[in-house]
Protein backbone atom coordinates (compact mmCIF):
# COMPACT_ATOMS: atom_id res chain seq x y z
CA MET A 1 0.91 232.77 92.95
CA THR A 2 -2.61 231.96 94.34
CA ARG A 3 -2.79 233.65 97.95
CA CYS A 4 -4.89 233.08 101.05
CA ARG A 5 -5.29 236.86 102.26
CA LEU A 6 -8.22 239.52 102.06
CA LEU A 7 -10.85 238.35 104.62
CA CYS A 8 -8.84 235.96 106.50
CA VAL A 9 -6.67 235.38 108.61
CA ALA A 10 -4.86 234.67 105.60
CA GLY A 11 -1.25 234.87 106.97
CA ALA A 12 -2.24 234.53 110.38
CA ILE A 13 -4.40 232.59 111.45
CA VAL A 14 -5.32 230.32 108.42
CA GLY A 15 -1.53 230.17 107.30
CA ALA A 16 -0.83 229.58 111.46
CA LEU A 17 -3.55 226.83 111.15
CA LEU A 18 -2.66 224.82 108.15
CA GLY A 19 1.10 226.08 108.12
CA LEU A 20 1.94 225.60 111.60
CA ALA A 21 -0.37 222.55 112.11
CA GLN A 22 1.67 220.62 109.45
CA ALA A 23 4.79 221.09 111.49
CA ALA A 24 3.43 219.89 114.36
CA PRO A 25 5.00 216.72 115.81
CA SER A 26 2.63 214.27 114.22
CA PRO A 27 1.26 211.72 117.30
CA THR A 28 3.29 209.22 118.11
CA ASN A 29 2.03 205.94 120.45
CA PRO A 30 -1.76 206.11 120.39
CA LEU A 31 -3.45 204.34 122.52
CA SER A 32 -5.21 200.80 121.07
CA SER A 33 -8.00 200.76 122.52
CA ARG A 34 -11.36 203.51 122.63
CA GLN A 35 -11.13 205.10 125.83
CA THR A 36 -14.71 203.99 127.07
CA ASN A 37 -13.66 203.47 130.98
CA ILE A 38 -12.33 206.73 131.61
CA ALA A 39 -14.88 209.00 133.92
CA GLY A 40 -16.31 211.24 132.12
CA LEU A 41 -16.69 209.94 129.04
CA GLU A 42 -19.64 207.26 130.03
CA ARG A 43 -22.23 209.73 127.79
CA CYS A 44 -19.61 210.19 124.62
CA ARG A 45 -21.60 206.98 122.35
CA PRO A 46 -24.41 207.94 119.39
CA GLU A 47 -26.98 206.96 121.46
CA THR A 48 -26.42 210.17 123.13
CA PHE A 49 -27.49 212.11 120.36
CA THR A 50 -29.74 210.03 118.68
CA ALA A 51 -33.47 212.47 119.29
CA VAL A 52 -31.51 215.21 118.10
CA LEU A 53 -30.66 213.75 115.38
CA SER A 54 -33.68 212.53 114.79
CA LYS A 55 -35.44 216.27 115.09
CA TYR A 56 -32.76 218.01 112.63
CA GLY A 57 -32.59 215.34 110.41
CA GLY A 58 -29.30 215.43 110.64
CA SER A 59 -26.27 212.34 110.60
CA LEU A 60 -23.11 211.53 112.85
CA ALA A 61 -20.22 211.38 110.38
CA THR A 62 -17.96 208.20 110.72
CA GLY A 63 -16.52 207.73 113.77
CA SER A 64 -18.45 210.11 115.68
CA PRO A 65 -18.57 210.79 118.39
CA TYR A 66 -14.85 210.04 119.10
CA THR A 67 -12.45 210.63 122.01
CA SER A 68 -8.56 212.19 121.93
CA ASN A 69 -7.32 208.30 121.50
CA SER A 70 -10.38 207.52 118.92
CA GLU A 71 -10.19 210.85 116.45
CA PRO A 72 -10.93 209.62 113.51
CA TYR A 73 -8.81 212.45 110.77
CA PRO A 74 -5.03 212.55 109.23
CA ASP A 75 -2.37 212.92 111.82
CA VAL A 76 -2.31 216.23 111.38
CA GLU A 77 -5.84 217.09 111.96
CA LYS A 78 -5.99 215.16 115.23
CA VAL A 79 -6.52 218.08 117.22
CA LEU A 80 -8.21 216.41 120.38
CA TRP A 81 -5.23 213.71 120.55
CA TYR A 82 -2.81 216.40 122.62
CA ALA A 83 -5.54 216.02 124.94
CA GLN A 84 -4.71 212.70 126.13
CA PHE A 85 -0.75 213.37 127.04
CA PRO A 86 1.17 215.70 129.17
CA PRO A 87 1.33 219.02 130.07
CA LEU A 88 -2.35 218.51 129.72
CA ASN A 89 -3.64 214.70 130.63
CA ILE A 90 -6.99 215.75 130.22
CA PRO A 91 -8.70 212.81 127.71
CA ASP A 92 -12.21 213.18 129.25
CA ILE A 93 -13.18 215.51 125.90
CA CYS A 94 -15.52 213.93 123.54
CA GLY A 95 -15.88 215.05 120.06
CA VAL A 96 -18.96 215.01 117.69
CA ARG A 97 -19.03 215.84 114.54
CA VAL A 98 -22.46 215.80 112.97
CA MET A 99 -23.32 216.33 109.01
CA VAL A 100 -26.21 218.36 108.80
CA THR A 101 -26.58 218.48 104.89
CA GLY A 102 -24.52 216.69 102.43
CA ASN A 103 -21.93 219.19 102.67
CA VAL A 104 -22.26 221.42 105.63
CA ALA A 105 -20.94 220.03 109.02
CA PHE A 106 -20.00 221.11 112.64
CA GLU A 107 -17.90 220.07 115.34
CA VAL A 108 -18.93 220.09 119.07
CA TYR A 109 -15.81 219.43 121.79
CA LEU A 110 -17.55 218.96 124.74
CA PRO A 111 -15.67 218.82 128.29
CA SER A 112 -16.99 215.99 130.63
CA PRO A 113 -19.75 216.92 132.52
CA THR A 114 -18.33 217.86 135.86
CA LYS A 115 -15.50 220.15 134.00
CA TRP A 116 -17.83 222.11 131.75
CA ASN A 117 -17.74 225.24 132.49
CA ARG A 118 -21.47 225.71 131.48
CA ARG A 119 -20.50 228.44 128.93
CA PHE A 120 -21.22 226.97 125.09
CA LEU A 121 -18.84 228.99 122.74
CA THR A 122 -18.84 229.11 118.62
CA VAL A 123 -15.98 230.05 116.91
CA GLY A 124 -15.69 231.56 113.18
CA ASN A 125 -13.54 230.41 110.32
CA GLY A 126 -10.84 232.30 108.20
CA GLY A 127 -11.21 233.60 105.08
CA PHE A 128 -12.69 231.36 102.09
CA ALA A 129 -11.30 227.80 103.95
CA GLY A 130 -13.55 224.87 104.45
CA ARG A 131 -12.95 222.77 107.97
CA THR A 132 -13.88 223.21 111.14
CA SER A 133 -11.37 225.29 113.28
CA ARG A 134 -10.12 222.75 115.69
CA TYR A 135 -7.30 224.44 117.37
CA ASP A 136 -9.48 227.19 118.41
CA MET A 137 -11.93 224.93 119.82
CA PHE A 138 -9.20 222.88 121.43
CA GLY A 139 -7.47 226.09 123.08
CA ARG A 140 -10.84 226.43 124.91
CA ALA A 141 -12.70 223.13 125.58
CA VAL A 142 -9.29 221.97 127.86
CA HIS A 143 -10.66 225.39 129.77
CA GLY A 144 -14.21 223.60 130.32
CA TRP A 145 -16.04 225.26 127.49
CA ALA A 146 -18.40 223.30 125.46
CA VAL A 147 -17.32 224.77 121.73
CA MET A 148 -18.62 224.29 118.07
CA SER A 149 -17.71 225.39 114.73
CA THR A 150 -19.00 224.97 111.07
CA ASN A 151 -16.54 223.90 108.20
CA THR A 152 -18.50 226.67 106.42
CA GLY A 153 -19.89 223.50 103.71
CA HIS A 154 -17.27 222.51 102.28
CA GLU A 155 -13.38 220.93 103.13
CA ASP A 156 -11.03 223.30 101.25
CA ALA A 157 -8.87 224.19 103.20
CA SER A 158 -6.19 225.80 101.18
CA GLY A 159 -8.10 229.15 100.93
CA GLY A 160 -8.57 228.71 97.32
CA MET A 161 -11.87 229.10 95.75
CA SER A 162 -12.27 226.69 92.74
CA TRP A 163 -14.52 225.05 95.39
CA ALA A 164 -17.41 228.14 94.43
CA ALA A 165 -16.87 228.07 90.75
CA GLY A 166 -20.50 228.00 89.51
CA ASN A 167 -22.54 226.61 92.71
CA GLN A 168 -24.14 229.60 94.52
CA SER A 169 -25.81 227.22 96.80
CA LEU A 170 -22.08 226.11 98.07
CA GLN A 171 -21.30 230.01 98.45
CA ILE A 172 -24.49 230.86 100.02
CA ASP A 173 -23.33 228.40 102.96
CA TRP A 174 -19.67 229.52 102.95
CA ALA A 175 -21.53 233.36 103.78
CA TRP A 176 -24.12 232.06 106.11
CA ARG A 177 -26.21 229.65 106.09
CA ALA A 178 -23.68 226.73 107.22
CA MET A 179 -23.40 228.42 110.29
CA ALA A 180 -27.30 229.38 110.80
CA SER A 181 -27.88 225.71 110.39
CA SER A 182 -25.35 224.89 112.83
CA VAL A 183 -25.54 227.19 116.01
CA PRO A 184 -28.88 225.84 116.71
CA PHE A 185 -28.25 222.24 116.13
CA ALA A 186 -25.14 222.55 118.38
CA LYS A 187 -26.94 224.44 121.05
CA GLU A 188 -29.08 220.56 121.17
CA ILE A 189 -26.27 218.79 120.57
CA VAL A 190 -24.97 220.30 123.84
CA ALA A 191 -27.82 220.12 125.63
CA ALA A 192 -28.29 216.58 124.78
CA TYR A 193 -24.53 215.74 126.12
CA TYR A 194 -25.28 217.67 129.67
CA GLN A 195 -28.88 216.24 130.13
CA ASN A 196 -30.46 219.34 129.38
CA VAL A 197 -28.56 221.51 131.69
CA THR A 198 -29.05 225.27 130.79
CA PRO A 199 -25.51 227.21 129.77
CA VAL A 200 -25.34 230.11 131.65
CA ALA A 201 -24.77 231.97 128.58
CA ASN A 202 -23.71 231.11 124.72
CA TYR A 203 -20.52 233.51 122.99
CA TYR A 204 -18.84 233.48 119.80
CA SER A 205 -15.44 234.43 118.91
CA GLY A 206 -13.73 234.85 115.31
CA CYS A 207 -11.34 237.09 113.47
CA SER A 208 -11.86 238.67 109.47
CA THR A 209 -14.32 236.21 108.18
CA GLY A 210 -15.05 234.93 111.41
CA GLY A 211 -15.78 238.02 112.79
CA ARG A 212 -18.43 238.97 109.59
CA GLN A 213 -20.01 235.33 110.69
CA GLY A 214 -20.83 236.75 114.09
CA ILE A 215 -22.73 239.91 112.62
CA ARG A 216 -24.11 237.81 109.94
CA GLN A 217 -25.63 235.32 112.29
CA ILE A 218 -27.19 238.04 114.53
CA GLU A 219 -29.01 239.22 111.86
CA VAL A 220 -30.24 235.73 110.98
CA ASP A 221 -31.20 235.14 114.53
CA PRO A 222 -30.29 237.60 117.60
CA ASN A 223 -31.00 235.50 120.16
CA SER A 224 -28.10 232.74 118.66
CA PHE A 225 -25.36 234.58 121.17
CA ASP A 226 -25.36 236.63 124.32
CA GLY A 227 -21.90 237.91 123.49
CA VAL A 228 -19.72 238.23 121.09
CA LEU A 229 -15.85 238.79 120.66
CA LEU A 230 -15.56 239.99 117.25
CA GLY A 231 -11.82 240.63 115.23
CA ALA A 232 -11.49 242.80 112.38
CA PRO A 233 -14.97 241.87 110.96
CA ALA A 234 -14.60 241.48 107.38
CA TRP A 235 -18.28 242.43 106.70
CA ASN A 236 -18.32 244.41 103.56
CA VAL A 237 -16.54 241.62 101.20
CA ARG A 238 -18.49 243.28 97.98
CA SER A 239 -16.22 246.25 98.54
CA ALA A 240 -13.35 244.79 99.84
CA MET A 241 -12.36 242.29 97.29
CA PRO A 242 -12.15 245.02 94.64
CA VAL A 243 -9.97 247.01 97.14
CA ILE A 244 -7.32 243.98 96.24
CA SER A 245 -7.72 244.24 92.56
CA ARG A 246 -7.00 248.00 92.99
CA ILE A 247 -4.10 247.38 94.91
CA GLY A 248 -2.27 245.50 92.60
CA TRP A 249 -3.50 247.76 89.67
CA LEU A 250 -2.04 250.85 91.23
CA ALA A 251 0.92 248.76 92.19
CA LYS A 252 1.75 247.26 88.61
CA THR A 253 0.95 251.15 87.04
CA TYR A 254 2.87 252.98 89.65
CA GLY A 255 5.59 250.41 89.98
CA LEU A 256 5.06 249.67 93.72
CA ASN A 257 7.01 246.66 94.70
CA PHE A 258 8.61 244.72 97.42
CA ASP A 259 11.99 246.74 96.75
CA SER A 260 10.18 249.72 97.76
CA ARG A 261 8.46 248.27 100.54
CA GLU A 262 10.99 248.28 103.43
CA PRO A 263 12.02 251.95 102.76
CA ILE A 264 8.75 253.02 103.24
CA TYR A 265 7.88 251.15 106.16
CA SER A 266 11.22 251.94 107.70
CA ARG A 267 10.20 256.00 106.99
CA VAL A 268 7.02 255.39 108.10
CA ASN A 269 8.25 254.25 111.70
CA GLN A 270 11.14 256.52 111.61
CA THR A 271 9.39 259.58 111.00
CA CYS A 272 5.91 258.82 113.20
CA ASN A 273 7.95 256.86 116.03
CA LEU A 274 11.54 256.68 116.36
CA LEU A 275 12.14 260.19 115.75
CA GLY A 276 9.76 260.55 119.24
CA PHE A 277 6.41 261.64 116.97
CA ASP A 278 3.39 261.21 118.65
CA ASN A 279 4.88 261.67 122.16
CA THR A 280 5.57 258.25 123.00
CA ALA A 281 7.80 255.90 123.33
CA ALA A 282 10.53 255.18 120.87
CA ASP A 283 9.90 251.15 120.04
CA GLY A 284 8.63 251.36 116.64
CA VAL A 285 4.79 251.32 117.35
CA VAL A 286 2.93 254.29 116.06
CA ARG A 287 -0.38 254.79 117.80
CA ASP A 288 -1.54 258.04 116.80
CA SER A 289 -2.40 256.56 112.90
CA ALA A 290 -4.48 259.32 111.63
CA ALA A 291 -1.49 262.42 112.54
CA CYS A 292 0.94 260.20 111.33
CA LEU A 293 -1.07 260.44 107.67
CA ARG A 294 -1.47 264.30 108.18
CA THR A 295 1.92 264.39 108.33
CA PHE A 296 2.44 262.32 105.05
CA LYS A 297 -0.19 264.69 103.65
CA GLU A 298 0.95 267.76 104.61
CA SER A 299 5.06 267.28 103.51
CA GLY A 300 3.51 265.83 99.65
CA ILE A 301 5.48 263.33 98.14
CA ASN A 302 8.38 265.70 97.82
CA GLY A 303 8.67 266.59 100.75
CA SER A 304 11.11 266.01 104.06
CA VAL A 305 9.42 263.16 105.11
CA TRP A 306 10.96 261.32 102.48
CA ALA A 307 14.21 262.64 102.38
CA GLY A 308 17.60 260.05 102.41
CA VAL A 309 15.21 257.60 100.17
CA ASP A 310 15.16 259.04 96.69
CA CYS A 311 16.08 257.20 93.67
CA PRO A 312 18.51 258.13 91.33
CA ASN A 313 17.25 259.90 88.77
CA ASN A 314 13.63 258.91 89.72
CA GLN A 315 14.85 255.09 88.80
CA PRO A 316 13.66 252.00 90.86
CA ALA A 317 16.32 250.31 92.84
CA PRO A 318 16.62 248.41 95.99
CA GLY A 319 16.54 250.76 99.46
CA CYS A 320 14.99 253.84 97.69
CA VAL A 321 11.59 255.10 96.88
CA THR A 322 10.55 257.21 93.45
CA LEU A 323 8.14 259.91 93.23
CA SER A 324 5.66 257.70 91.63
CA GLN A 325 5.89 254.25 94.30
CA ARG A 326 5.23 257.43 96.57
CA ALA A 327 1.82 258.78 95.26
CA ALA A 328 0.80 255.27 94.77
CA PHE A 329 1.26 254.46 98.53
CA MET A 330 -0.39 257.35 99.38
CA ALA A 331 -3.49 256.40 97.21
CA ILE A 332 -3.70 253.20 98.56
CA LEU A 333 -4.32 254.91 102.38
CA GLU A 334 -7.47 256.70 100.93
CA GLU A 335 -10.68 256.30 100.90
CA PHE A 336 -11.69 255.10 97.41
CA LYS A 337 -14.73 256.01 95.13
CA VAL A 338 -16.23 254.61 92.10
CA PRO A 339 -14.47 256.51 88.66
CA PRO A 340 -15.42 258.17 86.71
CA GLN A 341 -19.03 258.10 86.63
CA ASN A 342 -20.15 259.34 89.68
CA GLN A 343 -17.66 259.21 92.79
CA THR A 344 -19.57 257.63 94.90
CA TYR A 345 -17.82 255.44 98.30
CA ALA A 346 -16.52 252.31 96.88
CA GLY A 347 -14.17 250.60 99.05
CA ASP A 348 -12.15 251.96 102.34
CA GLY A 349 -8.15 253.12 102.14
CA PHE A 350 -5.62 251.66 104.85
CA ASP A 351 -4.30 252.94 108.02
CA ILE A 352 -0.73 254.78 107.26
CA THR A 353 1.15 251.94 109.70
CA SER A 354 -0.18 248.51 107.55
CA VAL A 355 1.85 248.84 104.35
CA LYS A 356 4.07 245.94 105.06
CA ASP A 357 0.87 243.81 105.98
CA TRP A 358 -0.79 244.97 102.27
CA PHE A 359 2.55 244.66 100.76
CA ASN A 360 1.64 240.75 101.19
CA PHE A 361 -0.97 241.53 97.91
CA LEU A 362 2.35 242.48 95.91
CA ALA A 363 3.51 238.54 96.00
CA GLY A 364 3.66 236.66 92.72
CA SER A 365 1.65 238.47 90.37
CA ALA A 366 -0.03 242.32 90.76
CA PRO A 367 -2.65 242.21 91.06
CA ASP A 368 -2.59 239.11 92.90
CA ASP A 369 -3.97 236.03 91.84
CA PHE A 370 -6.13 236.35 95.22
CA ASP A 371 -8.29 238.82 93.58
CA GLN A 372 -8.62 237.10 90.53
CA GLN A 373 -10.17 233.74 91.57
CA PHE A 374 -12.95 235.90 93.34
CA SER A 375 -13.91 237.74 89.76
CA ARG A 376 -13.05 233.99 88.56
CA TYR A 377 -14.92 231.80 90.86
CA PHE A 378 -17.50 233.96 92.83
CA LEU A 379 -18.70 236.66 90.34
CA ASN A 380 -17.78 234.41 86.98
CA GLU A 381 -15.56 237.55 85.59
CA THR A 382 -12.54 237.49 83.74
CA ILE A 383 -11.71 241.26 84.32
CA ILE A 384 -9.48 242.30 87.19
CA TRP A 385 -9.27 246.10 88.14
CA ASP A 386 -6.60 246.78 85.30
CA SER A 387 -8.61 250.21 84.59
CA ASP A 388 -11.52 252.94 85.80
CA ALA A 389 -14.09 251.53 83.92
CA ASN A 390 -13.17 248.31 84.81
CA GLY A 391 -13.27 248.99 88.16
CA ALA A 392 -16.17 250.06 88.27
CA ARG A 393 -17.64 247.00 86.21
CA LEU A 394 -16.29 245.04 89.34
CA ILE A 395 -18.07 246.82 91.68
CA GLN A 396 -20.90 246.56 90.26
CA ARG A 397 -20.71 243.37 89.52
CA SER A 398 -19.56 242.57 93.25
CA ASN A 399 -22.37 244.57 94.09
CA ALA A 400 -24.94 242.48 91.96
CA TRP A 401 -23.60 238.73 93.37
CA ASP A 402 -23.80 240.09 97.03
CA ALA A 403 -27.67 240.86 96.67
CA GLN A 404 -27.81 236.92 95.64
CA VAL A 405 -25.37 235.53 98.01
CA ARG A 406 -25.61 238.18 100.95
CA VAL A 407 -23.13 237.33 102.33
CA ASN A 408 -22.42 241.17 103.57
CA ALA A 409 -23.24 241.48 107.38
CA ASN A 410 -24.65 244.77 108.33
CA PRO A 411 -22.78 246.00 111.80
CA ALA A 412 -25.81 248.74 112.84
CA VAL A 413 -27.50 245.09 113.85
CA LEU A 414 -25.76 245.45 117.22
CA ASN A 415 -27.20 248.93 118.00
CA GLY A 416 -30.08 248.00 119.66
CA TRP A 417 -28.90 244.16 119.80
CA ARG A 418 -29.71 242.12 123.68
CA GLY A 419 -26.35 241.08 123.86
CA LYS A 420 -22.85 242.71 124.33
CA ALA A 421 -19.81 243.17 121.74
CA ILE A 422 -16.36 243.40 122.02
CA MET A 423 -14.89 244.38 118.65
CA TYR A 424 -11.02 244.38 117.93
CA THR A 425 -8.58 245.48 114.85
CA GLY A 426 -5.12 245.94 114.35
CA THR A 427 -4.29 249.31 113.52
CA ALA A 428 -1.19 247.80 110.88
CA ASP A 429 -4.22 245.64 109.64
CA GLY A 430 -3.07 245.27 105.41
CA THR A 431 -6.09 242.87 105.11
CA VAL A 432 -9.42 244.22 106.30
CA SER A 433 -8.63 247.89 106.67
CA SER A 434 -9.18 248.78 110.33
CA ILE A 435 -10.63 252.23 108.67
CA GLY A 436 -13.30 249.73 107.75
CA THR A 437 -13.50 248.38 111.63
CA ARG A 438 -14.39 252.26 112.67
CA ARG A 439 -16.63 252.78 110.28
CA ALA A 440 -18.49 249.36 111.18
CA PHE A 441 -18.35 250.41 115.10
CA ASN A 442 -19.53 253.77 114.68
CA MET A 443 -22.78 252.06 112.34
CA ALA A 444 -23.07 249.87 115.01
CA GLY A 445 -23.72 252.84 117.23
CA GLY A 446 -20.48 254.04 118.02
CA THR A 447 -19.60 255.66 121.87
CA ASN A 448 -23.18 255.66 122.10
CA ASN A 449 -23.91 251.48 122.49
CA ARG A 450 -23.54 251.08 125.63
CA ASN A 451 -23.70 246.71 124.77
CA LEU A 452 -20.11 247.43 122.70
CA ALA A 453 -16.76 248.13 123.30
CA TYR A 454 -14.07 248.55 120.49
CA PHE A 455 -10.37 248.30 120.74
CA GLU A 456 -7.30 249.38 118.07
CA ILE A 457 -4.33 247.45 118.72
CA PRO A 458 -1.45 249.60 117.80
CA GLY A 459 1.38 247.58 115.64
CA MET A 460 -0.80 244.49 115.13
CA PRO A 461 -1.52 243.42 111.55
CA HIS A 462 -4.34 240.92 110.80
CA CYS A 463 -6.31 239.08 113.50
CA VAL A 464 -2.40 237.90 115.04
CA ASP A 465 1.37 238.42 114.55
CA ILE A 466 4.41 237.09 115.17
CA GLY A 467 6.72 239.90 115.73
CA THR A 468 5.78 241.23 112.19
CA GLY A 469 8.45 244.41 111.78
CA GLY A 470 10.71 242.82 114.12
CA TYR A 471 8.86 245.64 116.78
CA ASN A 472 7.31 242.68 118.42
CA PRO A 473 4.00 245.04 119.38
CA PRO A 474 2.33 244.13 122.32
CA TRP A 475 -0.74 242.19 120.84
CA TYR A 476 -2.09 238.95 122.83
CA ILE A 477 -5.69 239.60 124.25
CA GLY A 478 -7.02 235.76 123.82
CA GLN A 479 -8.34 236.39 120.26
CA ILE A 480 -9.01 233.70 117.86
CA GLY A 481 -5.81 231.98 116.21
CA ILE A 482 -4.23 231.92 119.27
CA GLY A 483 -4.32 228.24 120.78
CA LEU A 484 -1.85 226.75 118.30
CA ILE A 485 0.46 229.79 118.40
CA LEU A 486 1.65 229.56 122.45
CA PRO A 487 0.17 225.67 123.33
CA SER A 488 1.07 224.64 126.45
CA LYS A 489 2.70 227.49 128.14
CA VAL A 490 -0.35 230.07 127.63
CA TRP A 491 -3.28 229.06 126.26
CA TYR A 492 -4.05 225.52 126.66
CA MET A 493 -2.59 224.95 130.24
CA PRO A 494 -5.69 224.93 132.74
CA ASN A 495 -5.27 227.04 135.76
CA THR A 496 -1.87 228.58 134.25
CA THR A 497 0.05 230.88 136.46
CA ASN A 498 3.27 230.94 134.17
CA PRO A 499 2.15 233.65 132.46
CA PRO A 500 -0.50 234.47 134.63
CA LEU A 501 -3.23 235.44 131.34
CA ASN A 502 -6.39 233.16 131.91
CA ASN A 503 -8.03 236.36 133.15
CA ALA A 504 -10.49 238.82 132.44
CA ALA A 505 -7.03 241.76 132.63
CA HIS A 506 -5.64 239.81 129.82
CA ASP A 507 -8.02 237.48 127.85
CA ALA A 508 -10.72 239.38 126.02
CA LEU A 509 -12.58 236.12 125.86
CA ILE A 510 -12.68 236.29 129.60
CA ALA A 511 -13.61 239.66 130.02
CA LEU A 512 -16.72 239.12 127.89
CA THR A 513 -17.87 236.72 130.00
CA GLU A 514 -17.76 238.74 133.03
CA TRP A 515 -19.54 241.88 130.97
CA VAL A 516 -22.13 239.41 129.89
CA GLU A 517 -22.72 237.38 133.13
CA GLY A 518 -22.59 240.51 135.59
CA GLY A 519 -25.89 241.41 135.52
CA SER A 520 -27.07 245.48 134.39
CA GLY A 521 -24.14 246.53 137.09
CA ARG A 522 -21.60 245.65 134.96
CA SER A 523 -19.71 248.41 133.04
CA ALA A 524 -18.31 247.54 129.12
CA PRO A 525 -14.30 246.63 129.64
CA THR A 526 -12.46 249.86 129.10
CA ARG A 527 -8.99 248.50 128.45
CA LEU A 528 -7.15 245.23 128.23
CA LEU A 529 -3.91 244.18 128.96
CA ALA A 530 -1.82 243.37 125.60
CA THR A 531 0.75 240.96 125.76
CA ALA A 532 3.95 239.68 123.51
CA PHE A 533 6.30 237.04 124.13
CA THR A 534 10.16 236.12 123.56
CA GLY A 535 9.43 232.81 121.42
CA TRP A 536 6.43 231.02 119.77
CA ASN A 537 6.44 227.19 120.55
CA GLU A 538 5.27 225.04 123.23
CA THR A 539 8.48 225.66 125.40
CA VAL A 540 9.29 229.48 124.92
CA GLY A 541 6.65 231.51 126.06
CA THR A 542 8.01 233.90 128.17
CA ILE A 543 6.33 237.40 128.58
CA SER A 544 8.60 240.54 126.76
CA LYS A 545 6.31 243.25 126.79
CA GLU A 546 3.10 244.32 128.73
CA ARG A 547 0.97 247.00 128.05
CA PRO A 548 -2.83 249.17 128.15
CA ILE A 549 -5.12 248.61 124.96
CA CYS A 550 -7.90 251.03 125.18
CA ALA A 551 -11.37 250.55 124.34
CA VAL A 552 -12.31 253.95 122.30
CA PRO A 553 -12.22 256.45 122.06
CA MET A 554 -9.35 256.14 124.20
CA ARG A 555 -5.80 255.79 123.07
CA GLN A 556 -2.34 254.14 124.39
CA HIS A 557 -0.25 256.78 125.66
CA TYR A 558 3.20 256.55 127.51
CA VAL A 559 4.10 258.35 130.75
CA GLY A 560 7.81 257.13 131.06
CA GLY A 561 9.42 254.05 132.49
CA ASP A 562 10.19 250.92 131.35
CA VAL A 563 8.70 250.70 127.59
CA ASN A 564 7.64 247.37 127.88
CA ALA A 565 6.32 247.25 131.68
CA ALA A 566 2.42 247.77 131.68
CA GLY A 567 2.80 250.32 134.42
CA SER A 568 4.29 252.58 132.07
CA TRP A 569 1.67 254.00 129.70
CA THR A 570 -2.04 254.83 130.21
CA CYS A 571 -5.40 255.76 128.44
CA VAL A 572 -5.94 259.49 127.19
CA ALA A 573 -8.82 260.78 125.17
CA GLU A 574 -7.96 260.46 121.52
């Protein structure tokens, strides 16, 4: 079964944006005429952008510019359409779609001049998917941001990779060129609309592939942004993709399957949190992953941590874990090296709490078809990691491919960069390893880089999480992918007070703006308040939990009291 997982906000962002978008109610009773008479839309017309288009050689797409009632897309893609109805009633946003080349396009949402907050934001994409990220654009545009997103050079939003077959030019567009050609072009579209009023600052927000795009664009042009919010950046594509092949190979070789997922996941939580390990509340969220891993290593596959889940006669069965399954599980957690030739670093292992997330790679076939698509369409290879020799060959081919396409981003570019960066990840991320994100943080200067803050969110899988595992860890910090999941009550409603999340304490992007715009005397944020909710639709958005997320080298610590209250938690040194 084809899956969109690695380097993607796959089950989270791409899955949410595609799946929930189609589940959203189709627009009804659209207005019959274009809103040309609404104040604030006077400049939403083609001639406003003529000079910019002449300069860059691009063109307006058919039907562009458009307004909320003239959006020229299928119903499920008419995201701006929702702005004209309660509870928003914000019809004065101008949408512009520009064709940069025959296949590269970007879109910009432009609030009316009186509502523009004088900030320009670029939002990233997910996985290998194309199309612009309209929901993430919308979530900020209704709060006054001018927002841009590129289509990465293609329109296949499925997450599949057949679009890349035999076409290295399209692969380069996806890797970096679509973003590089769109950012300066979009800035001038913004300048034309607001009659050359200078933005206060330029920002970027993206997760996974989107996190990689942000770093890669800084490599291309360090002046692109003043501040960047980078979630789980998939910066190491050439190593990360073979990781998936290796997981599938280990699973197939040692019988690691869905029957063993729940007992393994439960055993990690029972050992490292529910029984009081790591000196925190027994809420199912492990905060000291390193200590948890040490406990499992010291116990061994025959040790006491596995007591009660032994399979009769060591034969696979639901609800138990064989010795070989335990060994495969532990191997996936380790940094791996290219065997058997030189034993050099090839890729990062995963956090011990990420087991439920990376088990999604085992759906369908093992190895999963996702990594097979990468080999087939990007590397022009038929091999997968089904032996040590093929694993080494796959690494070599992936490295050679990256040398041509230049998809990998170098986090070290953030060390000495003039702008400010906030990086974050979920410790339970089984798609882009949180250990790899910690590596990226250290490459970027770590705690010695005063222009960099790094947050690890305990219990959160890849980019966003909707109650994974039943524990519903607090994870919302205003990151990418939330606009669709939490519409009116949290994200879209301007000046919302129920719940009050449109502020620097709860929203990492707003915290970033205060840091960037606060001048030399403003320090990096050291904590954010992460939030969990009781429901995930337009009518249910009540806060159920809040607790601080701490900038490394601090970590979350329970001090007593109501486990769901922010005051019961503090930040302590690692």
